[in-house]
Amino acid sequence: MGNIIRALVAFIPTDRCQSYVVGDLREMPLDRMVDLSGSQLRRFPLHVCSFTELVKLYLSDNHLHSLPPDLAQLQNLQILALDFNNFKALPQAVCTLKQLCILYLGNNKLCDLPDELSLLQNLRTLWLESNCLTRLPDVVCELSLLKTLHAGSNALRLLPGQLRRLRELRTIWLSGNQLADFPSVLLHMPFLEVIDVDRNSIRYFPSLAHLTNLKLVIYDHNPCRNAPKVGKGVRRVGRWAEETPEPDRRKTRRSALAKEENQEPPPLLPPSS
């Protein structure tokens, strides 16, 4: 019954109703984290923008399609979760949050990303899973410190050659796209540790044995005629692979993200003049 009431009051965008949904959140929490996930929000509660020391903000699983410019006041924010909402475009205010390390944008309706995303030069993890991307936006290739890229469940047919610029990238998830060929750019990224191309349309795999840092490659559910050759000690998941049983990819991803979020936050950049 409580969830039904919350859904009804959240549908009506008045301050009184929003106050009910958000509850007694009027002062910044001591842990510098606000979690409003699953709160049926249709608009962002403006008073949260006054919590200028906030480090983590979770807005997952709501009905948001925009964010106010006032969000730019949260210049200490390092983790922002906007997944499972109704964003068709990334709000410009997000691109002003230069201390962001982890950005969740999965399960929205994004078809592209703004060029201003390149301002987020502290970004280490980017989730773009389950959107409407037919190509990987070039701006992603400008995020020089990116270590983990989740771009599964889109409609990607290829990857840009500029991706090789991301020399810090270690993990790339491309499951559930429309790749007909193994992305050739990945063959020039020997620093990669995890490659997931599960559930695509790849018919032939080139050798990956020269990728000396590779630890895991997931290539199952492709109409391939061969298994990718890999170096000694590399785990393979797919047809003709030795791995059994198949590891739980969701558990692997959750573990990786939990590890990243629990790492000691990097030192903040000095405020721009």
C-alpha atoms as a PDB file:
ATOM      1  CA  MET A   1       0.000   0.000   0.000  1.00  0.00           C
ATOM      2  CA  GLY A   2       2.849   2.359   0.839  1.00  0.00           C
ATOM      3  CA  ASN A   3       4.399   1.923  -2.608  1.00  0.00           C
ATOM      4  CA  ILE A   4       1.060   2.686  -4.271  1.00  0.00           C
ATOM      5  CA  ILE A   5       0.720   5.917  -2.306  1.00  0.00           C
ATOM      6  CA  ARG A   6       4.291   6.904  -3.178  1.00  0.00           C
ATOM      7  CA  ALA A   7       3.618   6.256  -6.858  1.00  0.00           C
ATOM      8  CA  LEU A   8       0.469   8.364  -6.795  1.00  0.00           C
ATOM      9  CA  VAL A   9       1.988  11.348  -5.033  1.00  0.00           C
ATOM     10  CA  ALA A  10       5.121  11.221  -7.161  1.00  0.00           C
ATOM     11  CA  PHE A  11       2.994  11.426 -10.289  1.00  0.00           C
ATOM     12  CA  ILE A  12       1.822  14.898  -9.203  1.00  0.00           C
ATOM     13  CA  PRO A  13       4.852  17.247  -9.404  1.00  0.00           C
ATOM     14  CA  THR A  14       4.094  19.529  -6.475  1.00  0.00           C
ATOM     15  CA  ASP A  15       6.493  20.493  -3.701  1.00  0.00           C
ATOM     16  CA  ARG A  16       4.255  18.888  -1.094  1.00  0.00           C
ATOM     17  CA  CYS A  17       4.112  15.572  -2.937  1.00  0.00           C
ATOM     18  CA  GLN A  18       7.831  15.579  -3.661  1.00  0.00           C
ATOM     19  CA  SER A  19       8.497  16.247   0.019  1.00  0.00           C
ATOM     20  CA  TYR A  20       6.485  13.154   0.895  1.00  0.00           C
ATOM     21  CA  VAL A  21       8.493  11.003  -1.495  1.00  0.00           C
ATOM     22  CA  VAL A  22      11.887  12.346  -0.402  1.00  0.00           C
ATOM     23  CA  GLY A  23      10.964  12.200   3.257  1.00  0.00           C
ATOM     24  CA  ASP A  24      12.878  14.145   5.883  1.00  0.00           C
ATOM     25  CA  LEU A  25      15.966  14.681   3.747  1.00  0.00           C
ATOM     26  CA  ARG A  26      16.585  18.328   4.585  1.00  0.00           C
ATOM     27  CA  GLU A  27      20.194  18.237   5.716  1.00  0.00           C
ATOM     28  CA  MET A  28      23.174  16.710   4.016  1.00  0.00           C
ATOM     29  CA  PRO A  29      23.833  13.206   5.390  1.00  0.00           C
ATOM     30  CA  LEU A  30      27.011  12.736   7.371  1.00  0.00           C
ATOM     31  CA  ASP A  31      28.221  10.081   4.921  1.00  0.00           C
ATOM     32  CA  ARG A  32      27.841  12.601   2.062  1.00  0.00           C
ATOM     33  CA  MET A  33      25.581  10.186   0.181  1.00  0.00           C
ATOM     34  CA  VAL A  34      21.977  10.562  -0.979  1.00  0.00           C
ATOM     35  CA  ASP A  35      20.112   7.513  -2.276  1.00  0.00           C
ATOM     36  CA  LEU A  36      16.724   8.241  -3.867  1.00  0.00           C
ATOM     37  CA  SER A  37      16.638   5.102  -5.990  1.00  0.00           C
ATOM     38  CA  GLY A  38      13.190   3.659  -6.628  1.00  0.00           C
ATOM     39  CA  SER A  39      11.408   6.710  -5.214  1.00  0.00           C
ATOM     40  CA  GLN A  40       9.047   7.173  -8.186  1.00  0.00           C
ATOM     41  CA  LEU A  41      10.470  10.654  -8.762  1.00  0.00           C
ATOM     42  CA  ARG A  42       9.384  12.551 -11.857  1.00  0.00           C
ATOM     43  CA  ARG A  43      11.524  15.553 -11.079  1.00  0.00           C
ATOM     44  CA  PHE A  44      14.687  16.068  -9.118  1.00  0.00           C
ATOM     45  CA  PRO A  45      14.232  17.577  -5.618  1.00  0.00           C
ATOM     46  CA  LEU A  46      15.947  20.947  -5.925  1.00  0.00           C
ATOM     47  CA  HIS A  47      16.988  21.262  -2.294  1.00  0.00           C
ATOM     48  CA  VAL A  48      19.479  18.404  -2.774  1.00  0.00           C
ATOM     49  CA  CYS A  49      21.511  20.800  -4.925  1.00  0.00           C
ATOM     50  CA  SER A  50      22.343  22.723  -1.755  1.00  0.00           C
ATOM     51  CA  PHE A  51      24.312  19.721  -0.425  1.00  0.00           C
ATOM     52  CA  THR A  52      27.500  20.998  -2.014  1.00  0.00           C
ATOM     53  CA  GLU A  53      29.754  18.506  -0.199  1.00  0.00           C
ATOM     54  CA  LEU A  54      27.820  15.522  -1.559  1.00  0.00           C
ATOM     55  CA  VAL A  55      30.041  12.724  -2.938  1.00  0.00           C
ATOM     56  CA  LYS A  56      27.523  10.035  -3.981  1.00  0.00           C
ATOM     57  CA  LEU A  57      24.077  10.568  -5.513  1.00  0.00           C
ATOM     58  CA  TYR A  58      21.876   7.628  -6.530  1.00  0.00           C
ATOM     59  CA  LEU A  59      18.766   8.403  -8.606  1.00  0.00           C
ATOM     60  CA  SER A  60      18.300   4.972 -10.188  1.00  0.00           C
ATOM     61  CA  ASP A  61      14.905   3.507 -11.060  1.00  0.00           C
ATOM     62  CA  ASN A  62      12.795   6.664 -11.184  1.00  0.00           C
ATOM     63  CA  HIS A  63      10.894   8.512 -13.930  1.00  0.00           C
ATOM     64  CA  LEU A  64      13.345  11.344 -14.498  1.00  0.00           C
ATOM     65  CA  HIS A  65      13.874  12.795 -17.968  1.00  0.00           C
ATOM     66  CA  SER A  66      15.679  16.024 -17.036  1.00  0.00           C
ATOM     67  CA  LEU A  67      17.815  17.555 -14.293  1.00  0.00           C
ATOM     68  CA  PRO A  68      17.995  21.202 -13.197  1.00  0.00           C
ATOM     69  CA  PRO A  69      21.022  23.412 -13.994  1.00  0.00           C
ATOM     70  CA  ASP A  70      21.428  23.786 -10.213  1.00  0.00           C
ATOM     71  CA  LEU A  71      22.911  20.274 -10.181  1.00  0.00           C
ATOM     72  CA  ALA A  72      26.166  21.970 -11.201  1.00  0.00           C
ATOM     73  CA  GLN A  73      26.514  23.102  -7.575  1.00  0.00           C
ATOM     74  CA  LEU A  74      27.486  19.533  -6.612  1.00  0.00           C
ATOM     75  CA  GLN A  75      31.114  19.949  -7.614  1.00  0.00           C
ATOM     76  CA  ASN A  76      32.361  17.329  -5.140  1.00  0.00           C
ATOM     77  CA  LEU A  77      30.199  14.568  -6.611  1.00  0.00           C
ATOM     78  CA  GLN A  78      32.194  11.449  -7.536  1.00  0.00           C
ATOM     79  CA  ILE A  79      29.440   8.864  -8.149  1.00  0.00           C
ATOM     80  CA  LEU A  80      26.198   9.645  -9.990  1.00  0.00           C
ATOM     81  CA  ALA A  81      23.606   6.964 -10.811  1.00  0.00           C
ATOM     82  CA  LEU A  82      20.960   7.898 -13.394  1.00  0.00           C
ATOM     83  CA  ASP A  83      20.234   4.399 -14.662  1.00  0.00           C
ATOM     84  CA  PHE A  84      16.691   3.071 -15.171  1.00  0.00           C
ATOM     85  CA  ASN A  85      15.123   6.457 -15.943  1.00  0.00           C
ATOM     86  CA  ASN A  86      13.687   8.150 -19.045  1.00  0.00           C
ATOM     87  CA  PHE A  87      16.571  10.299 -20.265  1.00  0.00           C
ATOM     88  CA  LYS A  88      16.630  10.830 -24.027  1.00  0.00           C
ATOM     89  CA  ALA A  89      19.578  13.207 -23.723  1.00  0.00           C
ATOM     90  CA  LEU A  90      22.220  13.605 -21.056  1.00  0.00           C
ATOM     91  CA  PRO A  91      21.490  16.760 -19.028  1.00  0.00           C
ATOM     92  CA  GLN A  92      24.176  19.392 -19.593  1.00  0.00           C
ATOM     93  CA  ALA A  93      24.597  19.912 -15.866  1.00  0.00           C
ATOM     94  CA  VAL A  94      26.078  16.423 -15.556  1.00  0.00           C
ATOM     95  CA  CYS A  95      28.978  17.442 -17.806  1.00  0.00           C
ATOM     96  CA  THR A  96      29.967  20.173 -15.333  1.00  0.00           C
ATOM     97  CA  LEU A  97      30.632  17.694 -12.500  1.00  0.00           C
ATOM     98  CA  LYS A  98      34.354  17.384 -13.118  1.00  0.00           C
ATOM     99  CA  GLN A  99      35.090  15.203 -10.082  1.00  0.00           C
ATOM    100  CA  LEU A 100      32.852  12.370 -11.307  1.00  0.00           C
ATOM    101  CA  CYS A 101      34.613   8.991 -11.270  1.00  0.00           C
ATOM    102  CA  ILE A 102      31.630   6.690 -11.875  1.00  0.00           C
ATOM    103  CA  LEU A 103      28.609   7.529 -14.028  1.00  0.00           C
ATOM    104  CA  TYR A 104      25.669   5.137 -14.460  1.00  0.00           C
ATOM    105  CA  LEU A 105      23.519   5.899 -17.518  1.00  0.00           C
ATOM    106  CA  GLY A 106      22.213   2.413 -18.295  1.00  0.00           C
ATOM    107  CA  ASN A 107      18.610   1.584 -19.156  1.00  0.00           C
ATOM    108  CA  ASN A 108      17.603   4.966 -20.525  1.00  0.00           C
ATOM    109  CA  LYS A 109      16.744   6.131 -24.059  1.00  0.00           C
ATOM    110  CA  LEU A 110      20.027   7.743 -25.044  1.00  0.00           C
ATOM    111  CA  CYS A 111      20.904   7.802 -28.748  1.00  0.00           C
ATOM    112  CA  ASP A 112      24.051   9.910 -28.364  1.00  0.00           C
ATOM    113  CA  LEU A 113      26.182  11.759 -25.826  1.00  0.00           C
ATOM    114  CA  PRO A 114      27.109  15.462 -25.845  1.00  0.00           C
ATOM    115  CA  ASP A 115      30.631  16.617 -26.720  1.00  0.00           C
ATOM    116  CA  GLU A 116      30.772  18.264 -23.290  1.00  0.00           C
ATOM    117  CA  LEU A 117      31.113  14.807 -21.723  1.00  0.00           C
ATOM    118  CA  SER A 118      34.833  15.151 -22.500  1.00  0.00           C
ATOM    119  CA  LEU A 119      35.046  17.586 -19.576  1.00  0.00           C
ATOM    120  CA  LEU A 120      34.714  14.634 -17.193  1.00  0.00           C
ATOM    121  CA  GLN A 121      38.405  13.803 -17.243  1.00  0.00           C
ATOM    122  CA  ASN A 122      38.249  12.021 -13.869  1.00  0.00           C
ATOM    123  CA  LEU A 123      35.766   9.433 -15.139  1.00  0.00           C
ATOM    124  CA  ARG A 124      36.895   5.843 -14.515  1.00  0.00           C
ATOM    125  CA  THR A 125      33.673   3.882 -15.076  1.00  0.00           C
ATOM    126  CA  LEU A 126      30.931   4.610 -17.607  1.00  0.00           C
ATOM    127  CA  TRP A 127      27.723   2.590 -17.860  1.00  0.00           C
ATOM    128  CA  LEU A 128      25.837   2.949 -21.157  1.00  0.00           C
ATOM    129  CA  GLU A 129      24.149  -0.438 -21.127  1.00  0.00           C
ATOM    130  CA  SER A 130      20.609  -0.833 -22.548  1.00  0.00           C
ATOM    131  CA  ASN A 131      20.201   2.433 -24.404  1.00  0.00           C
ATOM    132  CA  CYS A 132      19.531   3.234 -28.069  1.00  0.00           C
ATOM    133  CA  LEU A 133      23.090   3.684 -29.296  1.00  0.00           C
ATOM    134  CA  THR A 134      23.762   2.608 -32.879  1.00  0.00           C
ATOM    135  CA  ARG A 135      27.387   3.746 -32.585  1.00  0.00           C
ATOM    136  CA  LEU A 136      29.737   4.410 -29.713  1.00  0.00           C
ATOM    137  CA  PRO A 137      29.922   8.220 -29.400  1.00  0.00           C
ATOM    138  CA  ASP A 138      33.373   9.562 -30.299  1.00  0.00           C
ATOM    139  CA  VAL A 139      33.421  11.618 -27.114  1.00  0.00           C
ATOM    140  CA  VAL A 140      33.871   8.418 -25.097  1.00  0.00           C
ATOM    141  CA  CYS A 141      37.310   8.096 -26.679  1.00  0.00           C
ATOM    142  CA  GLU A 142      38.324  11.381 -25.042  1.00  0.00           C
ATOM    143  CA  LEU A 143      37.870  10.099 -21.482  1.00  0.00           C
ATOM    144  CA  SER A 144      41.558   9.404 -20.973  1.00  0.00           C
ATOM    145  CA  LEU A 145      41.317   7.790 -17.503  1.00  0.00           C
ATOM    146  CA  LEU A 146      38.421   5.457 -18.327  1.00  0.00           C
ATOM    147  CA  LYS A 147      39.056   1.942 -16.979  1.00  0.00           C
ATOM    148  CA  THR A 148      35.652   0.246 -17.386  1.00  0.00           C
ATOM    149  CA  LEU A 149      33.168   0.706 -20.219  1.00  0.00           C
ATOM    150  CA  HIS A 150      29.760  -0.967 -20.203  1.00  0.00           C
ATOM    151  CA  ALA A 151      28.062  -0.616 -23.595  1.00  0.00           C
ATOM    152  CA  GLY A 152      26.070  -3.839 -23.814  1.00  0.00           C
ATOM    153  CA  SER A 153      22.483  -4.222 -25.038  1.00  0.00           C
ATOM    154  CA  ASN A 154      22.580  -1.415 -27.575  1.00  0.00           C
ATOM    155  CA  ALA A 155      22.675  -1.641 -31.388  1.00  0.00           C
ATOM    156  CA  LEU A 156      26.394  -1.164 -31.962  1.00  0.00           C
ATOM    157  CA  ARG A 157      27.752  -2.553 -35.244  1.00  0.00           C
ATOM    158  CA  LEU A 158      31.351  -1.388 -34.858  1.00  0.00           C
ATOM    159  CA  LEU A 159      33.681   0.567 -32.590  1.00  0.00           C
ATOM    160  CA  PRO A 160      35.609   3.730 -33.477  1.00  0.00           C
ATOM    161  CA  GLY A 161      39.326   3.409 -34.119  1.00  0.00           C
ATOM    162  CA  GLN A 162      39.971   6.244 -31.667  1.00  0.00           C
ATOM    163  CA  LEU A 163      39.068   3.863 -28.842  1.00  0.00           C
ATOM    164  CA  ARG A 164      42.693   2.739 -28.773  1.00  0.00           C
ATOM    165  CA  ARG A 165      43.545   6.116 -27.221  1.00  0.00           C
ATOM    166  CA  LEU A 166      42.055   4.884 -23.944  1.00  0.00           C
ATOM    167  CA  ARG A 167      45.255   3.348 -22.643  1.00  0.00           C
ATOM    168  CA  GLU A 168      43.831   3.027 -19.123  1.00  0.00           C
ATOM    169  CA  LEU A 169      40.882   0.921 -20.313  1.00  0.00           C
ATOM    170  CA  ARG A 170      40.940  -2.542 -18.772  1.00  0.00           C
ATOM    171  CA  THR A 171      37.393  -3.890 -19.128  1.00  0.00           C
ATOM    172  CA  ILE A 172      34.923  -3.531 -21.998  1.00  0.00           C
ATOM    173  CA  TRP A 173      31.439  -5.097 -22.009  1.00  0.00           C
ATOM    174  CA  LEU A 174      29.774  -5.287 -25.444  1.00  0.00           C
ATOM    175  CA  SER A 175      27.261  -8.099 -24.898  1.00  0.00           C
ATOM    176  CA  GLY A 176      23.970  -7.981 -26.784  1.00  0.00           C
ATOM    177  CA  ASN A 177      24.899  -5.689 -29.664  1.00  0.00           C
ATOM    178  CA  GLN A 178      24.931  -6.187 -33.448  1.00  0.00           C
ATOM    179  CA  LEU A 179      28.621  -6.787 -34.033  1.00  0.00           C
ATOM    180  CA  ALA A 180      29.073  -8.895 -37.172  1.00  0.00           C
ATOM    181  CA  ASP A 181      32.863  -8.875 -36.835  1.00  0.00           C
ATOM    182  CA  PHE A 182      35.161  -8.843 -33.851  1.00  0.00           C
ATOM    183  CA  PRO A 183      36.019  -5.134 -33.383  1.00  0.00           C
ATOM    184  CA  SER A 184      39.459  -4.729 -34.953  1.00  0.00           C
ATOM    185  CA  VAL A 185      40.361  -1.812 -32.691  1.00  0.00           C
ATOM    186  CA  LEU A 186      40.438  -4.192 -29.703  1.00  0.00           C
ATOM    187  CA  LEU A 187      43.315  -6.053 -31.360  1.00  0.00           C
ATOM    188  CA  HIS A 188      45.414  -2.919 -30.873  1.00  0.00           C
ATOM    189  CA  MET A 189      44.646  -2.586 -27.150  1.00  0.00           C
ATOM    190  CA  PRO A 190      47.083  -4.976 -25.407  1.00  0.00           C
ATOM    191  CA  PHE A 191      46.277  -3.426 -22.028  1.00  0.00           C
ATOM    192  CA  LEU A 192      42.730  -4.875 -22.001  1.00  0.00           C
ATOM    193  CA  GLU A 193      42.057  -7.477 -19.301  1.00  0.00           C
ATOM    194  CA  VAL A 194      38.377  -8.363 -19.908  1.00  0.00           C
ATOM    195  CA  ILE A 195      36.533  -8.438 -23.251  1.00  0.00           C
ATOM    196  CA  ASP A 196      32.849  -9.393 -23.381  1.00  0.00           C
ATOM    197  CA  VAL A 197      31.306  -9.780 -26.856  1.00  0.00           C
ATOM    198  CA  ASP A 198      28.636 -12.287 -25.809  1.00  0.00           C
ATOM    199  CA  ARG A 199      25.357 -12.359 -27.793  1.00  0.00           C
ATOM    200  CA  ASN A 200      26.464 -10.708 -31.011  1.00  0.00           C
ATOM    201  CA  SER A 201      26.677 -11.943 -34.618  1.00  0.00           C
ATOM    202  CA  ILE A 202      30.397 -12.623 -34.852  1.00  0.00           C
ATOM    203  CA  ARG A 203      31.198 -15.529 -37.206  1.00  0.00           C
ATOM    204  CA  TYR A 204      34.981 -15.552 -36.976  1.00  0.00           C
ATOM    205  CA  PHE A 205      37.401 -14.690 -34.180  1.00  0.00           C
ATOM    206  CA  PRO A 206      40.962 -13.563 -34.851  1.00  0.00           C
ATOM    207  CA  SER A 207      43.745 -14.612 -32.527  1.00  0.00           C
ATOM    208  CA  LEU A 208      43.896 -12.723 -29.235  1.00  0.00           C
ATOM    209  CA  ALA A 209      47.087 -14.414 -28.107  1.00  0.00           C
ATOM    210  CA  HIS A 210      49.083 -11.192 -28.495  1.00  0.00           C
ATOM    211  CA  LEU A 211      46.929  -9.374 -25.901  1.00  0.00           C
ATOM    212  CA  THR A 212      49.365 -10.072 -23.095  1.00  0.00           C
ATOM    213  CA  ASN A 213      47.251  -8.585 -20.273  1.00  0.00           C
ATOM    214  CA  LEU A 214      44.038 -10.404 -21.223  1.00  0.00           C
ATOM    215  CA  LYS A 215      42.508 -12.445 -18.389  1.00  0.00           C
ATOM    216  CA  LEU A 216      38.956 -13.196 -19.565  1.00  0.00           C
ATOM    217  CA  VAL A 217      37.155 -13.228 -22.906  1.00  0.00           C
ATOM    218  CA  ILE A 218      33.420 -13.969 -23.125  1.00  0.00           C
ATOM    219  CA  TYR A 219      32.267 -14.788 -26.663  1.00  0.00           C
ATOM    220  CA  ASP A 220      29.330 -17.151 -26.110  1.00  0.00           C
ATOM    221  CA  HIS A 221      26.100 -17.006 -28.151  1.00  0.00           C
ATOM    222  CA  ASN A 222      27.787 -15.977 -31.412  1.00  0.00           C
ATOM    223  CA  PRO A 223      27.430 -17.941 -34.672  1.00  0.00           C
ATOM    224  CA  CYS A 224      31.216 -18.360 -34.741  1.00  0.00           C
ATOM    225  CA  ARG A 225      33.106 -21.101 -36.556  1.00  0.00           C
ATOM    226  CA  ASN A 226      36.062 -20.994 -34.207  1.00  0.00           C
ATOM    227  CA  ALA A 227      37.103 -20.058 -30.700  1.00  0.00           C
ATOM    228  CA  PRO A 228      39.515 -17.139 -30.252  1.00  0.00           C
ATOM    229  CA  LYS A 229      43.091 -18.195 -29.592  1.00  0.00           C
ATOM    230  CA  VAL A 230      44.351 -16.749 -26.332  1.00  0.00           C
ATOM    231  CA  GLY A 231      47.535 -16.742 -24.301  1.00  0.00           C
ATOM    232  CA  LYS A 232      48.320 -19.097 -21.455  1.00  0.00           C
ATOM    233  CA  GLY A 233      46.105 -18.679 -18.415  1.00  0.00           C
ATOM    234  CA  VAL A 234      43.384 -16.665 -20.177  1.00  0.00           C
ATOM    235  CA  ARG A 235      39.841 -17.817 -19.363  1.00  0.00           C
ATOM    236  CA  ARG A 236      37.472 -18.281 -22.288  1.00  0.00           C
ATOM    237  CA  VAL A 237      33.680 -18.513 -22.051  1.00  0.00           C
ATOM    238  CA  GLY A 238      31.959 -19.756 -25.183  1.00  0.00           C
ATOM    239  CA  ARG A 239      31.746 -22.612 -27.651  1.00  0.00           C
ATOM    240  CA  TRP A 240      34.758 -24.931 -27.638  1.00  0.00           C
ATOM    241  CA  ALA A 241      36.089 -23.226 -24.516  1.00  0.00           C
ATOM    242  CA  GLU A 242      37.422 -25.201 -21.581  1.00  0.00           C
ATOM    243  CA  GLU A 243      35.537 -23.149 -18.978  1.00  0.00           C
ATOM    244  CA  THR A 244      32.720 -25.024 -17.239  1.00  0.00           C
ATOM    245  CA  PRO A 245      30.435 -23.984 -15.725  1.00  0.00           C
ATOM    246  CA  GLU A 246      29.960 -20.592 -17.326  1.00  0.00           C
ATOM    247  CA  PRO A 247      30.647 -17.791 -14.813  1.00  0.00           C
ATOM    248  CA  ASP A 248      27.809 -15.493 -13.828  1.00  0.00           C
ATOM    249  CA  ARG A 249      28.511 -12.292 -15.822  1.00  0.00           C
ATOM    250  CA  ARG A 250      26.149 -10.214 -13.706  1.00  0.00           C
ATOM    251  CA  LYS A 251      27.920 -11.296 -10.541  1.00  0.00           C
ATOM    252  CA  THR A 252      31.276 -10.494 -12.151  1.00  0.00           C
ATOM    253  CA  ARG A 253      30.090  -7.013 -13.080  1.00  0.00           C
ATOM    254  CA  ARG A 254      28.596  -6.317  -9.668  1.00  0.00           C
ATOM    255  CA  SER A 255      31.797  -7.429  -7.976  1.00  0.00           C
ATOM    256  CA  ALA A 256      33.911  -5.232 -10.226  1.00  0.00           C
ATOM    257  CA  LEU A 257      31.728  -2.197  -9.621  1.00  0.00           C
ATOM    258  CA  ALA A 258      31.603  -2.756  -5.876  1.00  0.00           C
ATOM    259  CA  LYS A 259      35.380  -2.903  -5.848  1.00  0.00           C
ATOM    260  CA  GLU A 260      35.616   0.364  -7.796  1.00  0.00           C
ATOM    261  CA  GLU A 261      33.119   2.162  -5.596  1.00  0.00           C
ATOM    262  CA  ASN A 262      34.836   1.032  -2.408  1.00  0.00           C
ATOM    263  CA  GLN A 263      38.246   2.189  -3.512  1.00  0.00           C
ATOM    264  CA  GLU A 264      39.602   5.226  -1.747  1.00  0.00           C
ATOM    265  CA  PRO A 265      38.389   8.267  -3.719  1.00  0.00           C
ATOM    266  CA  PRO A 266      41.130   9.958  -5.762  1.00  0.00           C
ATOM    267  CA  PRO A 267      42.214  13.421  -4.638  1.00  0.00           C
ATOM    268  CA  LEU A 268      39.916  16.160  -5.850  1.00  0.00           C
ATOM    269  CA  LEU A 269      41.122  18.444  -8.578  1.00  0.00           C
ATOM    270  CA  PRO A 270      41.582  22.092  -7.574  1.00  0.00           C
ATOM    271  CA  PRO A 271      38.526  24.168  -8.490  1.00  0.00           C
ATOM    272  CA  SER A 272      38.833  25.860 -11.854  1.00  0.00           C
ATOM    273  CA  SER A 273      39.224  29.597 -11.761  1.00  0.00           C
END
